[in-house]
Protein backbone atom coordinates (compact mmCIF):
# COMPACT_ATOMS: atom_id res chain seq x y z
CA MET A 1 -29.65 32.94 -19.54
CA ILE A 2 -30.90 30.04 -17.41
CA PRO A 3 -33.59 30.98 -14.90
CA TYR A 4 -32.48 31.09 -11.26
CA ALA A 5 -34.75 28.23 -10.09
CA ILE A 6 -33.37 25.87 -12.72
CA SER A 7 -29.75 26.87 -12.15
CA ILE A 8 -30.11 26.14 -8.41
CA LYS A 9 -31.37 22.64 -9.28
CA TYR A 10 -28.34 22.09 -11.53
CA MET A 11 -26.01 23.35 -8.81
CA ILE A 12 -27.53 21.05 -6.18
CA GLY A 13 -27.42 18.15 -8.64
CA GLY A 14 -23.78 18.86 -9.40
CA TYR A 15 -22.86 18.92 -5.72
CA ALA A 16 -24.81 15.69 -5.16
CA VAL A 17 -22.83 13.98 -7.94
CA ILE A 18 -19.51 15.29 -6.61
CA PHE A 19 -20.23 14.20 -3.03
CA SER A 20 -21.50 10.80 -4.23
CA ILE A 21 -18.29 10.19 -6.17
CA LEU A 22 -16.25 11.32 -3.16
CA ALA A 23 -18.19 8.97 -0.85
CA ILE A 24 -17.68 6.04 -3.24
CA TYR A 25 -13.95 6.83 -3.40
CA LEU A 26 -13.65 6.96 0.39
CA VAL A 27 -15.52 3.67 0.84
CA SER A 28 -13.30 2.06 -1.81
CA PHE A 29 -10.20 3.40 -0.05
CA PHE A 30 -11.38 2.02 3.31
CA VAL A 31 -12.15 -1.42 1.83
CA ARG A 32 -8.75 -1.57 0.13
CA PHE A 33 -7.00 -0.49 3.33
CA ARG A 34 -8.70 -3.25 5.34
CA SER A 35 -7.79 -5.79 2.66
CA LEU A 36 -4.18 -4.61 2.77
CA GLN A 37 -4.16 -4.97 6.57
CA ARG A 38 -5.45 -8.55 6.31
CA ASP A 39 -2.82 -9.37 3.67
CA LEU A 40 -0.10 -7.93 5.89
CA GLU A 41 -1.28 -10.01 8.86
CA THR A 42 -1.32 -13.13 6.69
CA LEU A 43 2.22 -12.47 5.49
CA GLN A 44 3.42 -11.90 9.05
CA GLU A 45 1.82 -15.19 10.16
CA LEU A 46 3.49 -17.04 7.29
CA GLU A 47 6.81 -15.46 8.12
CA SER A 48 6.56 -16.41 11.79
CA GLU A 49 5.69 -20.02 10.88
CA ASP A 50 8.83 -20.31 8.74
CA LYS A 51 11.13 -19.47 11.65
């Protein structure tokens, strides 16, 4: 059996990895959302110029 002090370190490390991956995913989602908003605005400007 793994000693308690070492298992706590593994648990904290595991949570740190999980939260890091979650943070990277959320930042990626936010960046993609902003890019999508800019693309939508560009398409709306092009559409209004055609009329």
